[in-house]
Amino acid sequence: MTVELRPITENNWHDCCKLKVADDQKRFVATNSISLVQAAYEKDLLPLAVYDGEAMVGFVMFSKERHPQWGYWIIRLMVDEAHQRKGYGRATIKEVLRRLGEWPDCAEVFISEVPDNVIAARLYESLGFVKTGELMGDEVVMKYTFSARDGQGDR
């Protein structure tokens, strides 16, 4: 499956804000509207809409600048409840890793997950993320390490 990551613009921000996860997943991820506000004030974040053709199916946000302690982060990942279990989350993470892997100063990428979000943890682990043993707030920190500096990581 291929997804396209497109900028959030004046033409699609409202559609992005209408995307939602299932009710039992709301405690795992901030709403897209909160994420867009965060990106407006934290200029090192890149919010992107996830598209399959012309259909917006999800949202992802990652850091554009390397954090001194943590490196690069995937801050948010969400797939609209109507599009879950179709491979969009996996395809989105792979595309973000592909992009970040092209940046010369990106040797590793971090992501965090709520401890009882078993589905997210399985997804991240299946893509090569490993638990670091560290917590950020109450979330488990996971790390992906590129195996070679040519952008071809553990994919």
N, C-alpha and C. Protein backbone atom coordinates (compact mmCIF):
# COMPACT_ATOMS: atom_id res chain seq x y z
N MET A 1 0.85 -1.18 0.00
CA MET A 1 0.00 0.00 0.00
C MET A 1 0.89 1.24 0.00
N THR A 2 0.45 2.23 -0.74
CA THR A 2 1.15 3.49 -0.80
C THR A 2 0.25 4.61 -0.28
N VAL A 3 0.80 5.46 0.55
CA VAL A 3 0.08 6.64 1.00
C VAL A 3 0.86 7.86 0.56
N GLU A 4 0.17 8.98 0.48
CA GLU A 4 0.83 10.24 0.17
C GLU A 4 0.65 11.17 1.36
N LEU A 5 1.74 11.77 1.79
CA LEU A 5 1.69 12.72 2.88
C LEU A 5 1.67 14.11 2.28
N ARG A 6 0.61 14.87 2.59
CA ARG A 6 0.45 16.20 2.01
C ARG A 6 0.36 17.24 3.12
N PRO A 7 0.81 18.46 2.81
CA PRO A 7 0.73 19.53 3.80
C PRO A 7 -0.70 19.83 4.21
N ILE A 8 -0.85 20.30 5.43
CA ILE A 8 -2.13 20.82 5.90
C ILE A 8 -2.21 22.26 5.40
N THR A 9 -3.28 22.57 4.70
CA THR A 9 -3.43 23.89 4.09
C THR A 9 -4.79 24.48 4.44
N GLU A 10 -5.02 25.69 3.94
CA GLU A 10 -6.33 26.33 4.14
C GLU A 10 -7.43 25.55 3.45
N ASN A 11 -7.08 24.67 2.52
CA ASN A 11 -8.08 23.88 1.80
C ASN A 11 -8.42 22.54 2.44
N ASN A 12 -7.56 22.04 3.33
CA ASN A 12 -7.85 20.71 3.89
C ASN A 12 -7.82 20.64 5.41
N TRP A 13 -7.52 21.74 6.10
CA TRP A 13 -7.40 21.69 7.56
C TRP A 13 -8.71 21.26 8.22
N HIS A 14 -9.82 21.68 7.67
CA HIS A 14 -11.11 21.33 8.29
C HIS A 14 -11.38 19.83 8.15
N ASP A 15 -11.07 19.28 6.98
CA ASP A 15 -11.22 17.83 6.80
C ASP A 15 -10.32 17.07 7.76
N CYS A 16 -9.13 17.59 7.99
CA CYS A 16 -8.21 16.97 8.93
C CYS A 16 -8.79 16.95 10.34
N CYS A 17 -9.41 18.06 10.72
CA CYS A 17 -9.99 18.17 12.06
C CYS A 17 -11.21 17.28 12.24
N LYS A 18 -11.84 16.88 11.17
CA LYS A 18 -13.01 16.00 11.24
C LYS A 18 -12.64 14.53 11.39
N LEU A 19 -11.40 14.19 11.08
CA LEU A 19 -10.97 12.80 11.26
C LEU A 19 -11.00 12.45 12.74
N LYS A 20 -11.37 11.22 13.04
CA LYS A 20 -11.41 10.83 14.46
C LYS A 20 -11.13 9.34 14.61
N VAL A 21 -10.64 9.02 15.78
CA VAL A 21 -10.42 7.62 16.13
C VAL A 21 -11.67 7.10 16.82
N ALA A 22 -11.75 5.80 17.03
CA ALA A 22 -12.87 5.20 17.74
C ALA A 22 -12.91 5.71 19.18
N ASP A 23 -14.07 5.70 19.78
CA ASP A 23 -14.24 6.21 21.14
C ASP A 23 -13.27 5.59 22.13
N ASP A 24 -13.03 4.28 22.02
CA ASP A 24 -12.14 3.61 22.98
C ASP A 24 -10.66 3.91 22.72
N GLN A 25 -10.35 4.66 21.65
CA GLN A 25 -8.96 5.03 21.34
C GLN A 25 -8.65 6.48 21.68
N LYS A 26 -9.64 7.25 22.06
CA LYS A 26 -9.45 8.69 22.28
C LYS A 26 -8.40 9.00 23.33
N ARG A 27 -8.20 8.12 24.29
CA ARG A 27 -7.22 8.38 25.34
C ARG A 27 -5.79 8.13 24.88
N PHE A 28 -5.64 7.58 23.68
CA PHE A 28 -4.31 7.26 23.16
C PHE A 28 -3.67 8.38 22.35
N VAL A 29 -4.46 9.30 21.80
CA VAL A 29 -3.90 10.29 20.88
C VAL A 29 -4.69 11.60 20.97
N ALA A 30 -3.96 12.70 20.90
CA ALA A 30 -4.61 14.02 20.90
C ALA A 30 -5.41 14.18 19.61
N THR A 31 -6.42 15.04 19.66
CA THR A 31 -7.20 15.32 18.46
C THR A 31 -6.32 16.05 17.44
N ASN A 32 -6.72 15.96 16.19
CA ASN A 32 -5.96 16.65 15.15
C ASN A 32 -6.03 18.16 15.31
N SER A 33 -7.14 18.66 15.82
CA SER A 33 -7.22 20.11 16.03
C SER A 33 -6.19 20.56 17.07
N ILE A 34 -6.04 19.81 18.15
CA ILE A 34 -5.01 20.13 19.15
C ILE A 34 -3.62 20.02 18.53
N SER A 35 -3.40 19.01 17.71
CA SER A 35 -2.09 18.84 17.07
C SER A 35 -1.78 20.01 16.14
N LEU A 36 -2.77 20.50 15.42
CA LEU A 36 -2.54 21.64 14.52
C LEU A 36 -2.23 22.91 15.30
N VAL A 37 -2.89 23.09 16.42
CA VAL A 37 -2.57 24.24 17.27
C VAL A 37 -1.15 24.10 17.80
N GLN A 38 -0.78 22.92 18.25
CA GLN A 38 0.57 22.68 18.75
C GLN A 38 1.61 23.01 17.67
N ALA A 39 1.35 22.57 16.43
CA ALA A 39 2.29 22.82 15.34
C ALA A 39 2.38 24.31 15.00
N ALA A 40 1.31 25.05 15.23
CA ALA A 40 1.33 26.49 14.96
C ALA A 40 2.27 27.21 15.91
N TYR A 41 2.45 26.68 17.11
CA TYR A 41 3.29 27.33 18.11
C TYR A 41 4.66 26.68 18.26
N GLU A 42 4.76 25.41 17.95
CA GLU A 42 6.04 24.70 18.00
C GLU A 42 6.49 24.50 16.56
N LYS A 43 7.26 25.45 16.07
CA LYS A 43 7.60 25.53 14.65
C LYS A 43 8.48 24.39 14.15
N ASP A 44 9.00 23.57 15.06
CA ASP A 44 9.82 22.44 14.63
C ASP A 44 8.99 21.21 14.28
N LEU A 45 7.66 21.32 14.33
CA LEU A 45 6.79 20.19 14.03
C LEU A 45 6.22 20.31 12.62
N LEU A 46 6.10 19.18 11.95
CA LEU A 46 5.56 19.13 10.60
C LEU A 46 4.29 18.29 10.60
N PRO A 47 3.12 18.92 10.53
CA PRO A 47 1.86 18.18 10.46
C PRO A 47 1.51 17.87 9.00
N LEU A 48 1.12 16.64 8.74
CA LEU A 48 0.79 16.23 7.38
C LEU A 48 -0.48 15.39 7.36
N ALA A 49 -1.24 15.57 6.31
CA ALA A 49 -2.42 14.73 6.10
C ALA A 49 -1.99 13.47 5.36
N VAL A 50 -2.61 12.37 5.69
CA VAL A 50 -2.33 11.09 5.03
C VAL A 50 -3.45 10.84 4.02
N TYR A 51 -3.07 10.67 2.78
CA TYR A 51 -4.05 10.46 1.71
C TYR A 51 -3.86 9.11 1.05
N ASP A 52 -4.98 8.52 0.65
CA ASP A 52 -5.03 7.40 -0.27
C ASP A 52 -5.79 7.93 -1.47
N GLY A 53 -5.09 8.25 -2.53
CA GLY A 53 -5.73 8.93 -3.66
C GLY A 53 -6.19 10.31 -3.22
N GLU A 54 -7.46 10.58 -3.39
CA GLU A 54 -8.00 11.88 -2.97
C GLU A 54 -8.68 11.82 -1.61
N ALA A 55 -8.68 10.65 -0.98
CA ALA A 55 -9.33 10.49 0.32
C ALA A 55 -8.32 10.71 1.45
N MET A 56 -8.62 11.66 2.35
CA MET A 56 -7.79 11.84 3.54
C MET A 56 -8.18 10.76 4.53
N VAL A 57 -7.21 9.95 4.92
CA VAL A 57 -7.48 8.81 5.79
C VAL A 57 -6.83 8.92 7.16
N GLY A 58 -5.91 9.89 7.33
CA GLY A 58 -5.23 9.99 8.61
C GLY A 58 -4.39 11.24 8.72
N PHE A 59 -3.60 11.27 9.77
CA PHE A 59 -2.79 12.44 10.12
C PHE A 59 -1.51 11.95 10.78
N VAL A 60 -0.42 12.64 10.49
CA VAL A 60 0.86 12.33 11.13
C VAL A 60 1.59 13.65 11.37
N MET A 61 2.36 13.69 12.43
CA MET A 61 3.15 14.88 12.72
C MET A 61 4.49 14.43 13.29
N PHE A 62 5.56 15.00 12.73
CA PHE A 62 6.88 14.65 13.23
C PHE A 62 7.76 15.88 13.30
N SER A 63 8.88 15.75 13.99
CA SER A 63 9.76 16.89 14.18
C SER A 63 10.60 17.12 12.93
N LYS A 64 10.80 18.41 12.61
CA LYS A 64 11.62 18.80 11.47
C LYS A 64 13.05 19.08 11.91
N GLU A 65 13.25 19.22 13.20
CA GLU A 65 14.57 19.53 13.74
C GLU A 65 14.95 18.48 14.77
N ARG A 66 16.23 18.23 14.86
CA ARG A 66 16.73 17.23 15.81
C ARG A 66 16.74 17.81 17.21
N HIS A 67 16.06 17.13 18.11
CA HIS A 67 16.08 17.50 19.53
C HIS A 67 17.43 17.08 20.10
N PRO A 68 18.08 17.95 20.90
CA PRO A 68 19.42 17.62 21.41
C PRO A 68 19.51 16.29 22.16
N GLN A 69 18.50 15.98 22.95
CA GLN A 69 18.53 14.74 23.73
C GLN A 69 17.91 13.56 22.98
N TRP A 70 16.79 13.80 22.31
CA TRP A 70 16.00 12.70 21.78
C TRP A 70 16.13 12.50 20.27
N GLY A 71 16.67 13.43 19.56
CA GLY A 71 16.72 13.26 18.11
C GLY A 71 15.40 13.61 17.46
N TYR A 72 15.05 12.88 16.44
CA TYR A 72 13.80 13.13 15.71
C TYR A 72 12.67 12.28 16.29
N TRP A 73 11.47 12.85 16.27
CA TRP A 73 10.29 12.21 16.87
C TRP A 73 9.14 12.14 15.89
N ILE A 74 8.43 11.05 15.93
CA ILE A 74 7.09 11.00 15.34
C ILE A 74 6.18 11.33 16.51
N ILE A 75 5.57 12.51 16.45
CA ILE A 75 4.79 13.04 17.57
C ILE A 75 3.37 12.49 17.58
N ARG A 76 2.77 12.39 16.40
CA ARG A 76 1.39 11.93 16.30
C ARG A 76 1.24 11.00 15.12
N LEU A 77 0.38 10.04 15.29
CA LEU A 77 -0.09 9.18 14.21
C LEU A 77 -1.53 8.83 14.52
N MET A 78 -2.39 9.09 13.58
CA MET A 78 -3.77 8.66 13.74
C MET A 78 -4.33 8.28 12.38
N VAL A 79 -5.16 7.25 12.39
CA VAL A 79 -5.90 6.83 11.20
C VAL A 79 -7.37 6.93 11.57
N ASP A 80 -8.14 7.57 10.70
CA ASP A 80 -9.57 7.73 10.94
C ASP A 80 -10.22 6.37 11.18
N GLU A 81 -11.19 6.35 12.09
CA GLU A 81 -11.81 5.08 12.47
C GLU A 81 -12.38 4.32 11.27
N ALA A 82 -12.83 5.02 10.25
CA ALA A 82 -13.41 4.36 9.08
C ALA A 82 -12.35 3.70 8.20
N HIS A 83 -11.08 4.01 8.44
CA HIS A 83 -10.00 3.51 7.59
C HIS A 83 -9.00 2.65 8.34
N GLN A 84 -9.30 2.30 9.57
CA GLN A 84 -8.37 1.48 10.35
C GLN A 84 -8.39 0.03 9.89
N ARG A 85 -7.30 -0.65 10.21
CA ARG A 85 -7.11 -2.06 9.88
C ARG A 85 -7.02 -2.32 8.38
N LYS A 86 -6.51 -1.31 7.67
CA LYS A 86 -6.32 -1.43 6.22
C LYS A 86 -4.87 -1.23 5.83
N GLY A 87 -3.99 -1.03 6.82
CA GLY A 87 -2.57 -0.87 6.54
C GLY A 87 -2.09 0.56 6.43
N TYR A 88 -2.98 1.54 6.68
CA TYR A 88 -2.58 2.94 6.55
C TYR A 88 -1.57 3.37 7.61
N GLY A 89 -1.72 2.89 8.83
CA GLY A 89 -0.77 3.25 9.88
C GLY A 89 0.62 2.77 9.54
N ARG A 90 0.73 1.52 9.13
CA ARG A 90 2.02 0.93 8.74
C ARG A 90 2.62 1.70 7.56
N ALA A 91 1.82 1.96 6.54
CA ALA A 91 2.31 2.66 5.36
C ALA A 91 2.77 4.08 5.71
N THR A 92 2.06 4.72 6.62
CA THR A 92 2.42 6.07 7.03
C THR A 92 3.75 6.09 7.77
N ILE A 93 3.92 5.20 8.72
CA ILE A 93 5.18 5.14 9.46
C ILE A 93 6.34 4.83 8.51
N LYS A 94 6.13 3.92 7.59
CA LYS A 94 7.19 3.59 6.62
C LYS A 94 7.57 4.82 5.80
N GLU A 95 6.56 5.60 5.38
CA GLU A 95 6.86 6.80 4.59
C GLU A 95 7.59 7.84 5.42
N VAL A 96 7.20 8.01 6.67
CA VAL A 96 7.91 8.97 7.53
C VAL A 96 9.35 8.51 7.73
N LEU A 97 9.56 7.23 7.98
CA LEU A 97 10.91 6.71 8.15
C LEU A 97 11.72 6.88 6.86
N ARG A 98 11.10 6.68 5.72
CA ARG A 98 11.80 6.88 4.45
C ARG A 98 12.28 8.32 4.34
N ARG A 99 11.38 9.26 4.64
CA ARG A 99 11.74 10.68 4.56
C ARG A 99 12.84 11.05 5.54
N LEU A 100 12.65 10.66 6.80
CA LEU A 100 13.65 11.00 7.81
C LEU A 100 14.99 10.31 7.52
N GLY A 101 14.94 9.13 6.95
CA GLY A 101 16.16 8.41 6.61
C GLY A 101 17.01 9.11 5.57
N GLU A 102 16.41 10.02 4.83
CA GLU A 102 17.15 10.79 3.82
C GLU A 102 17.90 11.97 4.44
N TRP A 103 17.57 12.33 5.67
CA TRP A 103 18.22 13.46 6.33
C TRP A 103 19.55 12.99 6.91
N PRO A 104 20.65 13.64 6.56
CA PRO A 104 21.97 13.15 6.97
C PRO A 104 22.20 13.09 8.48
N ASP A 105 21.52 13.92 9.25
CA ASP A 105 21.75 13.91 10.70
C ASP A 105 20.74 13.04 11.44
N CYS A 106 19.96 12.26 10.72
CA CYS A 106 18.96 11.41 11.37
C CYS A 106 19.43 9.96 11.40
N ALA A 107 19.90 9.55 12.57
CA ALA A 107 20.37 8.17 12.76
C ALA A 107 19.32 7.31 13.45
N GLU A 108 18.40 7.98 14.14
CA GLU A 108 17.35 7.26 14.87
C GLU A 108 16.11 8.13 14.98
N VAL A 109 14.98 7.45 15.16
CA VAL A 109 13.69 8.12 15.27
C VAL A 109 12.98 7.56 16.50
N PHE A 110 12.38 8.46 17.26
CA PHE A 110 11.66 8.06 18.46
C PHE A 110 10.16 8.20 18.26
N ILE A 111 9.43 7.39 19.00
CA ILE A 111 7.97 7.46 19.05
C ILE A 111 7.58 7.00 20.45
N SER A 112 6.43 7.41 20.90
CA SER A 112 5.98 6.94 22.22
C SER A 112 4.58 6.36 22.09
N GLU A 113 4.25 5.51 23.03
CA GLU A 113 2.92 4.91 23.04
C GLU A 113 2.43 4.74 24.48
N VAL A 114 1.13 4.86 24.60
CA VAL A 114 0.49 4.64 25.90
C VAL A 114 0.62 3.15 26.22
N PRO A 115 1.04 2.80 27.43
CA PRO A 115 1.35 1.40 27.74
C PRO A 115 0.28 0.37 27.39
N ASP A 116 -0.99 0.70 27.49
CA ASP A 116 -1.99 -0.31 27.17
C ASP A 116 -2.52 -0.19 25.75
N ASN A 117 -1.83 0.55 24.90
CA ASN A 117 -2.19 0.61 23.49
C ASN A 117 -1.43 -0.50 22.76
N VAL A 118 -1.92 -1.71 22.95
CA VAL A 118 -1.25 -2.92 22.47
C VAL A 118 -1.12 -2.92 20.95
N ILE A 119 -2.13 -2.45 20.26
CA ILE A 119 -2.10 -2.45 18.79
C ILE A 119 -0.97 -1.54 18.28
N ALA A 120 -0.84 -0.34 18.85
CA ALA A 120 0.23 0.57 18.43
C ALA A 120 1.59 -0.03 18.74
N ALA A 121 1.76 -0.60 19.93
CA ALA A 121 3.05 -1.19 20.30
C ALA A 121 3.43 -2.30 19.33
N ARG A 122 2.48 -3.16 18.97
CA ARG A 122 2.76 -4.24 18.02
C ARG A 122 3.17 -3.69 16.66
N LEU A 123 2.45 -2.66 16.21
CA LEU A 123 2.78 -2.04 14.92
C LEU A 123 4.19 -1.50 14.94
N TYR A 124 4.51 -0.70 15.94
CA TYR A 124 5.83 -0.08 16.00
C TYR A 124 6.94 -1.13 16.09
N GLU A 125 6.73 -2.14 16.92
CA GLU A 125 7.73 -3.20 17.05
C GLU A 125 7.91 -3.95 15.73
N SER A 126 6.81 -4.19 15.00
CA SER A 126 6.91 -4.91 13.73
C SER A 126 7.67 -4.12 12.68
N LEU A 127 7.76 -2.80 12.87
CA LEU A 127 8.49 -1.94 11.93
C LEU A 127 9.94 -1.70 12.36
N GLY A 128 10.33 -2.26 13.50
CA GLY A 128 11.72 -2.15 13.93
C GLY A 128 11.97 -1.24 15.12
N PHE A 129 10.92 -0.66 15.68
CA PHE A 129 11.09 0.15 16.89
C PHE A 129 11.29 -0.78 18.07
N VAL A 130 12.15 -0.37 19.00
CA VAL A 130 12.38 -1.14 20.23
C VAL A 130 12.14 -0.23 21.43
N LYS A 131 11.65 -0.81 22.50
CA LYS A 131 11.43 -0.04 23.72
C LYS A 131 12.77 0.33 24.33
N THR A 132 12.89 1.59 24.74
CA THR A 132 14.16 2.07 25.30
C THR A 132 14.25 1.85 26.80
N GLY A 133 13.12 1.56 27.44
CA GLY A 133 13.10 1.46 28.89
C GLY A 133 12.82 2.80 29.55
N GLU A 134 12.70 3.84 28.75
CA GLU A 134 12.45 5.18 29.27
C GLU A 134 10.97 5.53 29.11
N LEU A 135 10.54 6.46 29.95
CA LEU A 135 9.18 6.98 29.87
C LEU A 135 9.25 8.47 29.56
N MET A 136 8.30 8.93 28.80
CA MET A 136 8.10 10.36 28.60
C MET A 136 6.71 10.63 29.15
N GLY A 137 6.68 11.24 30.33
CA GLY A 137 5.39 11.34 31.02
C GLY A 137 4.97 9.93 31.40
N ASP A 138 3.79 9.53 30.95
CA ASP A 138 3.33 8.17 31.23
C ASP A 138 3.38 7.29 29.98
N GLU A 139 4.11 7.74 28.96
CA GLU A 139 4.19 6.98 27.72
C GLU A 139 5.54 6.28 27.57
N VAL A 140 5.50 5.11 26.97
CA VAL A 140 6.68 4.29 26.73
C VAL A 140 7.41 4.82 25.49
N VAL A 141 8.70 5.07 25.63
CA VAL A 141 9.51 5.57 24.52
C VAL A 141 10.07 4.39 23.73
N MET A 142 9.94 4.49 22.40
CA MET A 142 10.48 3.47 21.50
C MET A 142 11.41 4.14 20.50
N LYS A 143 12.40 3.39 20.02
CA LYS A 143 13.41 3.96 19.13
C LYS A 143 13.60 3.08 17.91
N TYR A 144 13.70 3.73 16.77
CA TYR A 144 14.04 3.07 15.50
C TYR A 144 15.44 3.54 15.13
N THR A 145 16.34 2.63 14.83
CA THR A 145 17.70 2.98 14.45
C THR A 145 17.93 2.58 13.00
N PHE A 146 18.38 3.55 12.21
CA PHE A 146 18.70 3.23 10.82
C PHE A 146 19.96 2.38 10.81
N SER A 147 19.96 1.33 10.01
CA SER A 147 21.09 0.39 10.02
C SER A 147 22.24 0.86 9.14
N ALA A 148 21.97 1.81 8.24
CA ALA A 148 23.03 2.33 7.38
C ALA A 148 22.73 3.79 7.08
N ARG A 149 23.73 4.59 6.88
CA ARG A 149 23.52 6.02 6.65
C ARG A 149 23.09 6.33 5.22
N ASP A 150 22.81 5.32 4.43
CA ASP A 150 22.32 5.60 3.09
C ASP A 150 20.80 5.73 3.08
N GLY A 151 20.18 5.82 4.27
CA GLY A 151 18.73 5.98 4.36
C GLY A 151 17.99 4.67 4.33
N GLN A 152 18.71 3.58 4.25
CA GLN A 152 18.05 2.28 4.21
C GLN A 152 18.11 1.65 5.59
N GLY A 153 17.11 1.92 6.39
CA GLY A 153 17.08 1.41 7.75
C GLY A 153 16.52 0.02 7.81
N ASP A 154 16.09 -0.35 8.98
CA ASP A 154 15.54 -1.68 9.22
C ASP A 154 14.10 -1.73 8.73
N ARG A 155 13.91 -1.68 7.45
CA ARG A 155 12.54 -1.65 6.92
C ARG A 155 12.17 -2.96 6.30
